[in-house]
Amino acid sequence: MPAKGERHMPVDERQVIEKARQGDADALVTLYRRYYDAIYAFLYHRIRHQEMAEDLTAEVFERMVQKIITYRPTERPFLAWLYTLARNRMIDVLRRENRGPQWQPLDAELRTPAHQTPEAQAEQSLTAECLHRVLTRLTPDQQQVITLKFLQGYSNAEVAERLGKPVGAVKSLQFRALAAMRRILEEEPC
């Protein structure tokens, strides 16, 4: 029976990861191509800065190459391991720069339609700022679940797979995160 992290991993993926762990350049390129978009989207939704998200994504994959030998398929899914590398790298950079994530309404969820009034545009900008303020008060795990579930549109099962957690744990984190967000908004309405 496959171990915990390997349970849902396709055979092809296991083989690619094993080859990458042995230093196979083609396998590393395959992993980069397979997971680049997911890691970039994860970082971008957290920091809202395109160039920084691109730079951090590149750094995450550099670290993947350096540390892939330490990845243990029996402990968690590969993508969960990559998300951990991404989150840790993002935290390091933001700490070094002594600032939190920046919200810039550039992505699809916040892009302003051409026909929208200036008042509606201002309200949308305030909504993004409010969301950022609330998210920064959640735990890192809660932030990840909310980002993946509601900003990136993944199902609970997909979030669980990406984070290497059981679906029940994701649902619990989501419930606690939404309750915390509700409480924060009641205390400090936007």
N, C-alpha and C. Protein backbone atom coordinates (compact mmCIF):
# COMPACT_ATOMS: atom_id res chain seq x y z
N MET A 1 0.85 -1.19 0.00
CA MET A 1 0.00 0.00 0.00
C MET A 1 0.88 1.24 0.00
N PRO A 2 0.57 2.24 -0.82
CA PRO A 2 1.39 3.45 -0.86
C PRO A 2 1.35 4.18 0.48
N ALA A 3 2.43 4.86 0.77
CA ALA A 3 2.51 5.64 2.01
C ALA A 3 1.67 6.89 1.89
N LYS A 4 1.51 7.59 3.01
CA LYS A 4 0.63 8.77 3.11
C LYS A 4 0.78 9.74 1.94
N GLY A 5 1.97 10.26 1.71
CA GLY A 5 2.18 11.26 0.67
C GLY A 5 2.06 10.71 -0.74
N GLU A 6 2.22 9.39 -0.88
CA GLU A 6 2.18 8.78 -2.21
C GLU A 6 0.80 8.30 -2.61
N ARG A 7 -0.15 8.28 -1.69
CA ARG A 7 -1.47 7.70 -1.93
C ARG A 7 -2.11 8.18 -3.22
N HIS A 8 -2.12 9.47 -3.44
CA HIS A 8 -2.82 10.03 -4.60
C HIS A 8 -1.85 10.46 -5.69
N MET A 9 -0.59 10.08 -5.56
CA MET A 9 0.41 10.49 -6.52
C MET A 9 0.41 9.50 -7.69
N PRO A 10 0.19 10.00 -8.90
CA PRO A 10 0.24 9.11 -10.07
C PRO A 10 1.62 8.47 -10.19
N VAL A 11 1.66 7.28 -10.76
CA VAL A 11 2.92 6.56 -10.93
C VAL A 11 3.91 7.42 -11.69
N ASP A 12 3.45 8.07 -12.77
CA ASP A 12 4.32 8.93 -13.57
C ASP A 12 4.97 10.00 -12.70
N GLU A 13 4.19 10.61 -11.82
CA GLU A 13 4.73 11.66 -10.97
C GLU A 13 5.78 11.10 -10.02
N ARG A 14 5.51 9.94 -9.44
CA ARG A 14 6.50 9.31 -8.54
C ARG A 14 7.81 9.08 -9.28
N GLN A 15 7.70 8.61 -10.51
CA GLN A 15 8.91 8.33 -11.30
C GLN A 15 9.67 9.62 -11.60
N VAL A 16 8.94 10.66 -11.97
CA VAL A 16 9.59 11.94 -12.28
C VAL A 16 10.29 12.49 -11.04
N ILE A 17 9.62 12.42 -9.90
CA ILE A 17 10.21 12.93 -8.66
C ILE A 17 11.44 12.12 -8.29
N GLU A 18 11.37 10.82 -8.42
CA GLU A 18 12.52 9.98 -8.10
C GLU A 18 13.70 10.30 -9.01
N LYS A 19 13.44 10.49 -10.30
CA LYS A 19 14.51 10.86 -11.23
C LYS A 19 15.09 12.23 -10.86
N ALA A 20 14.21 13.17 -10.49
CA ALA A 20 14.68 14.50 -10.09
C ALA A 20 15.55 14.40 -8.84
N ARG A 21 15.16 13.56 -7.91
CA ARG A 21 15.96 13.37 -6.68
C ARG A 21 17.34 12.81 -7.00
N GLN A 22 17.45 12.11 -8.13
CA GLN A 22 18.73 11.54 -8.55
C GLN A 22 19.52 12.53 -9.42
N GLY A 23 18.96 13.74 -9.61
CA GLY A 23 19.67 14.77 -10.34
C GLY A 23 19.37 14.84 -11.83
N ASP A 24 18.35 14.15 -12.30
CA ASP A 24 17.99 14.16 -13.71
C ASP A 24 17.44 15.53 -14.10
N ALA A 25 18.14 16.23 -15.00
CA ALA A 25 17.76 17.59 -15.39
C ALA A 25 16.40 17.63 -16.09
N ASP A 26 16.11 16.64 -16.93
CA ASP A 26 14.82 16.61 -17.63
C ASP A 26 13.67 16.46 -16.63
N ALA A 27 13.87 15.66 -15.61
CA ALA A 27 12.83 15.48 -14.59
C ALA A 27 12.61 16.77 -13.82
N LEU A 28 13.68 17.49 -13.52
CA LEU A 28 13.55 18.78 -12.83
C LEU A 28 12.78 19.78 -13.68
N VAL A 29 13.07 19.80 -14.97
CA VAL A 29 12.34 20.68 -15.89
C VAL A 29 10.87 20.29 -15.94
N THR A 30 10.58 19.01 -15.95
CA THR A 30 9.19 18.54 -15.95
C THR A 30 8.46 19.03 -14.71
N LEU A 31 9.09 18.92 -13.55
CA LEU A 31 8.46 19.39 -12.30
C LEU A 31 8.24 20.90 -12.34
N TYR A 32 9.22 21.62 -12.86
CA TYR A 32 9.10 23.08 -12.99
C TYR A 32 7.89 23.42 -13.85
N ARG A 33 7.78 22.80 -15.01
CA ARG A 33 6.66 23.09 -15.91
C ARG A 33 5.33 22.68 -15.31
N ARG A 34 5.32 21.58 -14.60
CA ARG A 34 4.07 21.06 -14.03
C ARG A 34 3.55 21.94 -12.89
N TYR A 35 4.44 22.52 -12.10
CA TYR A 35 4.01 23.20 -10.88
C TYR A 35 4.23 24.71 -10.88
N TYR A 36 4.85 25.25 -11.91
CA TYR A 36 5.13 26.69 -11.93
C TYR A 36 3.87 27.53 -11.72
N ASP A 37 2.83 27.27 -12.49
CA ASP A 37 1.61 28.08 -12.40
C ASP A 37 0.99 28.04 -11.01
N ALA A 38 0.96 26.87 -10.39
CA ALA A 38 0.37 26.74 -9.06
C ALA A 38 1.16 27.54 -8.02
N ILE A 39 2.48 27.46 -8.09
CA ILE A 39 3.31 28.18 -7.11
C ILE A 39 3.24 29.68 -7.36
N TYR A 40 3.29 30.10 -8.62
CA TYR A 40 3.17 31.52 -8.93
C TYR A 40 1.83 32.07 -8.43
N ALA A 41 0.74 31.38 -8.73
CA ALA A 41 -0.59 31.85 -8.31
C ALA A 41 -0.68 31.93 -6.79
N PHE A 42 -0.14 30.94 -6.12
CA PHE A 42 -0.14 30.94 -4.65
C PHE A 42 0.58 32.17 -4.12
N LEU A 43 1.78 32.44 -4.63
CA LEU A 43 2.55 33.59 -4.15
C LEU A 43 1.89 34.91 -4.54
N TYR A 44 1.42 34.99 -5.78
CA TYR A 44 0.80 36.24 -6.22
C TYR A 44 -0.43 36.58 -5.39
N HIS A 45 -1.26 35.60 -5.09
CA HIS A 45 -2.46 35.86 -4.30
C HIS A 45 -2.11 36.27 -2.87
N ARG A 46 -0.92 35.95 -2.42
CA ARG A 46 -0.52 36.33 -1.07
C ARG A 46 0.12 37.72 -1.04
N ILE A 47 0.91 38.07 -2.06
CA ILE A 47 1.66 39.33 -1.99
C ILE A 47 1.17 40.39 -2.97
N ARG A 48 0.42 40.00 -3.98
CA ARG A 48 -0.18 40.94 -4.93
C ARG A 48 0.84 41.85 -5.62
N HIS A 49 1.96 41.28 -5.97
CA HIS A 49 2.98 42.05 -6.68
C HIS A 49 3.58 41.11 -7.73
N GLN A 50 3.30 41.41 -9.00
CA GLN A 50 3.65 40.50 -10.08
C GLN A 50 5.14 40.18 -10.15
N GLU A 51 5.98 41.21 -10.17
CA GLU A 51 7.42 40.96 -10.31
C GLU A 51 7.98 40.20 -9.12
N MET A 52 7.53 40.58 -7.91
CA MET A 52 8.01 39.88 -6.73
C MET A 52 7.55 38.42 -6.74
N ALA A 53 6.31 38.19 -7.17
CA ALA A 53 5.80 36.81 -7.24
C ALA A 53 6.61 36.00 -8.25
N GLU A 54 6.96 36.61 -9.38
CA GLU A 54 7.77 35.92 -10.38
C GLU A 54 9.15 35.59 -9.83
N ASP A 55 9.77 36.57 -9.16
CA ASP A 55 11.10 36.36 -8.58
C ASP A 55 11.06 35.27 -7.51
N LEU A 56 10.06 35.34 -6.64
CA LEU A 56 9.94 34.34 -5.58
C LEU A 56 9.69 32.95 -6.15
N THR A 57 8.88 32.87 -7.19
CA THR A 57 8.61 31.58 -7.82
C THR A 57 9.90 30.99 -8.36
N ALA A 58 10.71 31.81 -9.01
CA ALA A 58 12.00 31.33 -9.51
C ALA A 58 12.88 30.85 -8.36
N GLU A 59 12.88 31.60 -7.26
CA GLU A 59 13.68 31.20 -6.10
C GLU A 59 13.18 29.90 -5.49
N VAL A 60 11.87 29.71 -5.47
CA VAL A 60 11.30 28.47 -4.94
C VAL A 60 11.80 27.28 -5.76
N PHE A 61 11.83 27.43 -7.07
CA PHE A 61 12.29 26.31 -7.89
C PHE A 61 13.80 26.12 -7.80
N GLU A 62 14.55 27.19 -7.54
CA GLU A 62 15.98 27.02 -7.26
C GLU A 62 16.16 26.20 -5.99
N ARG A 63 15.37 26.53 -4.98
CA ARG A 63 15.43 25.77 -3.72
C ARG A 63 14.98 24.33 -3.92
N MET A 64 13.98 24.14 -4.77
CA MET A 64 13.52 22.78 -5.06
C MET A 64 14.69 21.96 -5.59
N VAL A 65 15.45 22.53 -6.53
CA VAL A 65 16.59 21.81 -7.10
C VAL A 65 17.62 21.50 -6.01
N GLN A 66 17.88 22.47 -5.14
CA GLN A 66 18.87 22.28 -4.08
C GLN A 66 18.41 21.28 -3.03
N LYS A 67 17.12 21.26 -2.72
CA LYS A 67 16.62 20.49 -1.59
C LYS A 67 15.80 19.26 -1.95
N ILE A 68 15.65 18.96 -3.23
CA ILE A 68 14.75 17.86 -3.60
C ILE A 68 15.20 16.53 -3.00
N ILE A 69 16.47 16.39 -2.76
CA ILE A 69 16.96 15.15 -2.16
C ILE A 69 16.38 14.96 -0.75
N THR A 70 15.99 16.07 -0.10
CA THR A 70 15.42 15.97 1.26
C THR A 70 13.92 15.68 1.24
N TYR A 71 13.29 15.77 0.07
CA TYR A 71 11.85 15.50 -0.01
C TYR A 71 11.59 14.03 0.27
N ARG A 72 10.63 13.77 1.14
CA ARG A 72 10.25 12.40 1.51
C ARG A 72 8.82 12.13 1.04
N PRO A 73 8.67 11.36 -0.04
CA PRO A 73 7.33 11.10 -0.60
C PRO A 73 6.37 10.45 0.40
N THR A 74 6.90 9.77 1.39
CA THR A 74 6.03 9.10 2.36
C THR A 74 5.43 10.06 3.37
N GLU A 75 5.96 11.28 3.46
CA GLU A 75 5.49 12.23 4.46
C GLU A 75 4.37 13.12 3.98
N ARG A 76 4.44 13.58 2.74
CA ARG A 76 3.40 14.47 2.21
C ARG A 76 3.52 14.57 0.70
N PRO A 77 2.44 15.03 0.05
CA PRO A 77 2.49 15.18 -1.41
C PRO A 77 3.55 16.21 -1.83
N PHE A 78 4.06 16.02 -3.02
CA PHE A 78 5.11 16.90 -3.53
C PHE A 78 4.66 18.35 -3.59
N LEU A 79 3.44 18.59 -4.06
CA LEU A 79 2.96 19.97 -4.16
C LEU A 79 2.86 20.63 -2.79
N ALA A 80 2.48 19.87 -1.77
CA ALA A 80 2.44 20.42 -0.41
C ALA A 80 3.85 20.82 0.02
N TRP A 81 4.82 20.02 -0.33
CA TRP A 81 6.21 20.33 -0.01
C TRP A 81 6.64 21.62 -0.73
N LEU A 82 6.26 21.75 -2.01
CA LEU A 82 6.57 22.98 -2.75
C LEU A 82 5.89 24.20 -2.14
N TYR A 83 4.63 24.06 -1.73
CA TYR A 83 3.93 25.17 -1.08
C TYR A 83 4.66 25.59 0.20
N THR A 84 5.18 24.63 0.92
CA THR A 84 5.93 24.95 2.14
C THR A 84 7.19 25.73 1.78
N LEU A 85 7.91 25.29 0.74
CA LEU A 85 9.08 26.05 0.29
C LEU A 85 8.68 27.47 -0.09
N ALA A 86 7.56 27.60 -0.81
CA ALA A 86 7.10 28.92 -1.27
C ALA A 86 6.73 29.80 -0.09
N ARG A 87 5.97 29.26 0.84
CA ARG A 87 5.55 30.05 1.99
C ARG A 87 6.76 30.49 2.81
N ASN A 88 7.69 29.58 3.05
CA ASN A 88 8.88 29.93 3.84
C ASN A 88 9.72 30.98 3.14
N ARG A 89 9.89 30.85 1.84
CA ARG A 89 10.68 31.83 1.08
C ARG A 89 10.00 33.20 1.11
N MET A 90 8.68 33.22 0.94
CA MET A 90 7.93 34.47 0.97
C MET A 90 8.08 35.14 2.33
N ILE A 91 7.94 34.37 3.39
CA ILE A 91 8.06 34.93 4.74
C ILE A 91 9.46 35.50 4.95
N ASP A 92 10.49 34.77 4.51
CA ASP A 92 11.87 35.27 4.65
C ASP A 92 12.05 36.61 3.96
N VAL A 93 11.58 36.71 2.73
CA VAL A 93 11.75 37.94 1.95
C VAL A 93 10.96 39.09 2.57
N LEU A 94 9.71 38.84 2.96
CA LEU A 94 8.89 39.90 3.54
C LEU A 94 9.45 40.36 4.88
N ARG A 95 9.97 39.42 5.65
CA ARG A 95 10.60 39.80 6.93
C ARG A 95 11.82 40.67 6.69
N ARG A 96 12.64 40.24 5.72
CA ARG A 96 13.86 40.99 5.41
C ARG A 96 13.52 42.41 4.95
N GLU A 97 12.44 42.53 4.18
CA GLU A 97 12.02 43.85 3.70
C GLU A 97 11.17 44.58 4.72
N ASN A 98 10.86 43.89 5.82
CA ASN A 98 10.10 44.48 6.93
C ASN A 98 8.76 45.04 6.46
N ARG A 99 8.03 44.21 5.74
CA ARG A 99 6.71 44.63 5.29
C ARG A 99 5.84 43.41 5.12
N GLY A 100 4.55 43.64 5.09
CA GLY A 100 3.60 42.56 4.88
C GLY A 100 3.24 42.44 3.42
N PRO A 101 2.36 41.50 3.10
CA PRO A 101 1.91 41.36 1.72
C PRO A 101 1.25 42.64 1.21
N GLN A 102 1.43 42.91 -0.05
CA GLN A 102 0.84 44.09 -0.67
C GLN A 102 -0.32 43.67 -1.56
N TRP A 103 -1.40 44.40 -1.48
CA TRP A 103 -2.56 44.10 -2.32
C TRP A 103 -2.63 45.13 -3.42
N GLN A 104 -2.53 44.67 -4.63
CA GLN A 104 -2.68 45.54 -5.79
C GLN A 104 -3.76 44.91 -6.66
N PRO A 105 -4.85 45.62 -6.88
CA PRO A 105 -5.95 45.03 -7.63
C PRO A 105 -5.62 44.86 -9.12
N LEU A 106 -4.72 43.93 -9.43
CA LEU A 106 -4.32 43.72 -10.81
C LEU A 106 -4.86 42.42 -11.38
N ASP A 107 -5.23 41.48 -10.52
CA ASP A 107 -5.61 40.17 -11.04
C ASP A 107 -7.07 40.14 -11.47
N ALA A 108 -7.49 39.00 -11.99
CA ALA A 108 -8.82 38.86 -12.59
C ALA A 108 -9.94 39.15 -11.61
N GLU A 109 -9.79 38.73 -10.35
CA GLU A 109 -10.87 38.95 -9.40
C GLU A 109 -11.13 40.43 -9.14
N LEU A 110 -10.10 41.24 -9.27
CA LEU A 110 -10.22 42.64 -8.90
C LEU A 110 -10.09 43.59 -10.09
N ARG A 111 -9.90 43.07 -11.27
CA ARG A 111 -9.74 43.91 -12.44
C ARG A 111 -11.01 44.73 -12.67
N THR A 112 -10.85 45.99 -12.95
CA THR A 112 -11.97 46.90 -13.09
C THR A 112 -12.50 46.91 -14.51
N PRO A 113 -13.78 46.60 -14.70
CA PRO A 113 -14.36 46.70 -16.04
C PRO A 113 -14.34 48.16 -16.52
N ALA A 114 -14.20 48.35 -17.82
CA ALA A 114 -14.10 49.70 -18.38
C ALA A 114 -15.35 50.52 -18.11
N HIS A 115 -16.52 49.88 -18.01
CA HIS A 115 -17.77 50.61 -17.84
C HIS A 115 -18.07 50.92 -16.37
N GLN A 116 -17.21 50.53 -15.47
CA GLN A 116 -17.49 50.74 -14.05
C GLN A 116 -17.28 52.21 -13.67
N THR A 117 -18.16 52.72 -12.82
CA THR A 117 -18.07 54.12 -12.39
C THR A 117 -16.89 54.30 -11.44
N PRO A 118 -16.39 55.53 -11.31
CA PRO A 118 -15.30 55.78 -10.36
C PRO A 118 -15.70 55.38 -8.93
N GLU A 119 -16.96 55.58 -8.56
CA GLU A 119 -17.42 55.21 -7.22
C GLU A 119 -17.32 53.70 -7.01
N ALA A 120 -17.73 52.95 -8.02
CA ALA A 120 -17.66 51.49 -7.94
C ALA A 120 -16.20 51.02 -7.90
N GLN A 121 -15.34 51.71 -8.66
CA GLN A 121 -13.91 51.37 -8.65
C GLN A 121 -13.33 51.61 -7.26
N ALA A 122 -13.69 52.73 -6.64
CA ALA A 122 -13.19 53.05 -5.30
C ALA A 122 -13.68 52.02 -4.29
N GLU A 123 -14.94 51.63 -4.41
CA GLU A 123 -15.50 50.63 -3.49
C GLU A 123 -14.78 49.29 -3.66
N GLN A 124 -14.48 48.92 -4.90
CA GLN A 124 -13.78 47.67 -5.16
C GLN A 124 -12.38 47.71 -4.56
N SER A 125 -11.71 48.85 -4.66
CA SER A 125 -10.38 49.00 -4.09
C SER A 125 -10.43 48.87 -2.57
N LEU A 126 -11.45 49.48 -1.95
CA LEU A 126 -11.62 49.37 -0.50
C LEU A 126 -11.88 47.92 -0.10
N THR A 127 -12.63 47.20 -0.91
CA THR A 127 -12.90 45.79 -0.62
C THR A 127 -11.61 44.99 -0.62
N ALA A 128 -10.73 45.24 -1.58
CA ALA A 128 -9.45 44.53 -1.64
C ALA A 128 -8.60 44.86 -0.42
N GLU A 129 -8.56 46.13 -0.04
CA GLU A 129 -7.79 46.53 1.14
C GLU A 129 -8.36 45.88 2.39
N CYS A 130 -9.67 45.84 2.49
CA CYS A 130 -10.33 45.23 3.64
C CYS A 130 -9.99 43.74 3.71
N LEU A 131 -10.08 43.06 2.58
CA LEU A 131 -9.77 41.64 2.54
C LEU A 131 -8.33 41.40 2.97
N HIS A 132 -7.43 42.21 2.47
CA HIS A 132 -6.01 42.08 2.86
C HIS A 132 -5.85 42.25 4.37
N ARG A 133 -6.48 43.27 4.92
CA ARG A 133 -6.36 43.53 6.36
C ARG A 133 -6.86 42.34 7.17
N VAL A 134 -7.96 41.77 6.76
CA VAL A 134 -8.54 40.64 7.48
C VAL A 134 -7.65 39.40 7.32
N LEU A 135 -7.20 39.12 6.11
CA LEU A 135 -6.37 37.93 5.88
C LEU A 135 -5.08 37.96 6.68
N THR A 136 -4.48 39.13 6.83
CA THR A 136 -3.21 39.20 7.55
C THR A 136 -3.37 38.87 9.03
N ARG A 137 -4.59 38.85 9.53
CA ARG A 137 -4.82 38.54 10.94
C ARG A 137 -5.11 37.06 11.17
N LEU A 138 -5.18 36.29 10.09
CA LEU A 138 -5.40 34.85 10.21
C LEU A 138 -4.06 34.13 10.38
N THR A 139 -4.13 32.88 10.82
CA THR A 139 -2.91 32.07 10.90
C THR A 139 -2.43 31.76 9.48
N PRO A 140 -1.15 31.42 9.32
CA PRO A 140 -0.66 31.08 7.98
C PRO A 140 -1.45 29.93 7.33
N ASP A 141 -1.81 28.90 8.10
CA ASP A 141 -2.60 27.80 7.54
C ASP A 141 -3.97 28.28 7.08
N GLN A 142 -4.60 29.13 7.88
CA GLN A 142 -5.91 29.66 7.50
C GLN A 142 -5.79 30.53 6.25
N GLN A 143 -4.74 31.34 6.16
CA GLN A 143 -4.52 32.17 4.98
C GLN A 143 -4.38 31.30 3.73
N GLN A 144 -3.62 30.20 3.86
CA GLN A 144 -3.43 29.31 2.71
C GLN A 144 -4.76 28.72 2.26
N VAL A 145 -5.56 28.24 3.20
CA VAL A 145 -6.84 27.62 2.85
C VAL A 145 -7.76 28.64 2.18
N ILE A 146 -7.87 29.83 2.75
CA ILE A 146 -8.75 30.86 2.18
C ILE A 146 -8.25 31.26 0.79
N THR A 147 -6.95 31.43 0.64
CA THR A 147 -6.39 31.81 -0.66
C THR A 147 -6.66 30.75 -1.71
N LEU A 148 -6.36 29.50 -1.38
CA LEU A 148 -6.55 28.42 -2.36
C LEU A 148 -8.03 28.18 -2.65
N LYS A 149 -8.86 28.22 -1.64
CA LYS A 149 -10.29 27.90 -1.80
C LYS A 149 -11.05 29.03 -2.49
N PHE A 150 -10.92 30.24 -1.99
CA PHE A 150 -11.78 31.32 -2.46
C PHE A 150 -11.14 32.24 -3.50
N LEU A 151 -9.83 32.43 -3.45
CA LEU A 151 -9.20 33.30 -4.43
C LEU A 151 -8.73 32.53 -5.66
N GLN A 152 -8.33 31.27 -5.46
CA GLN A 152 -7.88 30.47 -6.60
C GLN A 152 -8.93 29.47 -7.06
N GLY A 153 -9.99 29.29 -6.28
CA GLY A 153 -11.13 28.49 -6.72
C GLY A 153 -10.98 26.98 -6.63
N TYR A 154 -10.09 26.50 -5.79
CA TYR A 154 -9.93 25.05 -5.65
C TYR A 154 -11.01 24.47 -4.74
N SER A 155 -11.36 23.21 -4.96
CA SER A 155 -12.31 22.51 -4.10
C SER A 155 -11.59 22.12 -2.80
N ASN A 156 -12.37 21.72 -1.79
CA ASN A 156 -11.76 21.29 -0.53
C ASN A 156 -10.79 20.13 -0.76
N ALA A 157 -11.17 19.19 -1.61
CA ALA A 157 -10.30 18.04 -1.90
C ALA A 157 -8.99 18.49 -2.56
N GLU A 158 -9.09 19.45 -3.47
CA GLU A 158 -7.88 19.96 -4.14
C GLU A 158 -7.00 20.73 -3.16
N VAL A 159 -7.62 21.52 -2.29
CA VAL A 159 -6.85 22.26 -1.28
C VAL A 159 -6.15 21.25 -0.37
N ALA A 160 -6.86 20.23 0.06
CA ALA A 160 -6.28 19.20 0.93
C ALA A 160 -5.08 18.54 0.26
N GLU A 161 -5.23 18.20 -1.01
CA GLU A 161 -4.14 17.56 -1.73
C GLU A 161 -2.94 18.49 -1.85
N ARG A 162 -3.20 19.76 -2.17
CA ARG A 162 -2.11 20.72 -2.34
C ARG A 162 -1.37 20.99 -1.04
N LEU A 163 -2.08 20.96 0.07
CA LEU A 163 -1.46 21.25 1.37
C LEU A 163 -1.01 19.99 2.10
N GLY A 164 -1.38 18.83 1.58
CA GLY A 164 -0.99 17.59 2.23
C GLY A 164 -1.71 17.37 3.54
N LYS A 165 -2.97 17.80 3.60
CA LYS A 165 -3.78 17.67 4.80
C LYS A 165 -5.04 16.89 4.46
N PRO A 166 -5.65 16.25 5.46
CA PRO A 166 -6.94 15.59 5.20
C PRO A 166 -8.02 16.62 4.87
N VAL A 167 -9.03 16.21 4.11
CA VAL A 167 -10.12 17.11 3.74
C VAL A 167 -10.80 17.66 4.99
N GLY A 168 -10.96 16.83 6.00
CA GLY A 168 -11.59 17.28 7.25
C GLY A 168 -10.81 18.41 7.90
N ALA A 169 -9.49 18.34 7.85
CA ALA A 169 -8.65 19.40 8.42
C ALA A 169 -8.82 20.69 7.63
N VAL A 170 -8.93 20.57 6.31
CA VAL A 170 -9.13 21.76 5.47
C VAL A 170 -10.48 22.39 5.79
N LYS A 171 -11.51 21.57 5.92
CA LYS A 171 -12.84 22.09 6.25
C LYS A 171 -12.81 22.79 7.61
N SER A 172 -12.11 22.20 8.55
CA SER A 172 -12.01 22.80 9.89
C SER A 172 -11.26 24.13 9.83
N LEU A 173 -10.14 24.16 9.10
CA LEU A 173 -9.39 25.41 8.94
C LEU A 173 -10.24 26.47 8.26
N GLN A 174 -10.98 26.06 7.24
CA GLN A 174 -11.85 26.99 6.53
C GLN A 174 -12.92 27.53 7.47
N PHE A 175 -13.55 26.67 8.24
CA PHE A 175 -14.59 27.09 9.17
C PHE A 175 -14.02 28.08 10.19
N ARG A 176 -12.87 27.73 10.78
CA ARG A 176 -12.25 28.63 11.77
C ARG A 176 -11.82 29.95 11.14
N ALA A 177 -11.30 29.89 9.92
CA ALA A 177 -10.86 31.11 9.23
C ALA A 177 -12.05 32.02 8.95
N LEU A 178 -13.14 31.45 8.45
CA LEU A 178 -14.32 32.27 8.15
C LEU A 178 -14.92 32.85 9.43
N ALA A 179 -14.91 32.07 10.51
CA ALA A 179 -15.41 32.58 11.79
C ALA A 179 -14.52 33.72 12.29
N ALA A 180 -13.21 33.56 12.15
CA ALA A 180 -12.28 34.61 12.57
C ALA A 180 -12.48 35.86 11.72
N MET A 181 -12.67 35.68 10.41
CA MET A 181 -12.88 36.82 9.53
C MET A 181 -14.17 37.56 9.90
N ARG A 182 -15.20 36.80 10.20
CA ARG A 182 -16.48 37.40 10.61
C ARG A 182 -16.29 38.21 11.89
N ARG A 183 -15.58 37.63 12.86
CA ARG A 183 -15.32 38.29 14.13
C ARG A 183 -14.52 39.59 13.93
N ILE A 184 -13.49 39.51 13.10
CA ILE A 184 -12.66 40.69 12.82
C ILE A 184 -13.50 41.79 12.19
N LEU A 185 -14.35 41.42 11.24
CA LEU A 185 -15.18 42.42 10.56
C LEU A 185 -16.25 43.00 11.48
N GLU A 186 -16.71 42.22 12.45
CA GLU A 186 -17.67 42.75 13.42
C GLU A 186 -16.99 43.75 14.35
N GLU A 187 -15.75 43.45 14.73
CA GLU A 187 -15.00 44.34 15.62
C GLU A 187 -14.54 45.61 14.91
N GLU A 188 -14.10 45.44 13.66
CA GLU A 188 -13.55 46.56 12.89
C GLU A 188 -14.11 46.54 11.47
N PRO A 189 -15.34 47.01 11.29
CA PRO A 189 -15.92 47.00 9.94
C PRO A 189 -15.08 47.82 8.96
N CYS A 190 -15.10 47.40 7.72
CA CYS A 190 -14.33 48.13 6.69
C CYS A 190 -15.10 49.34 6.22
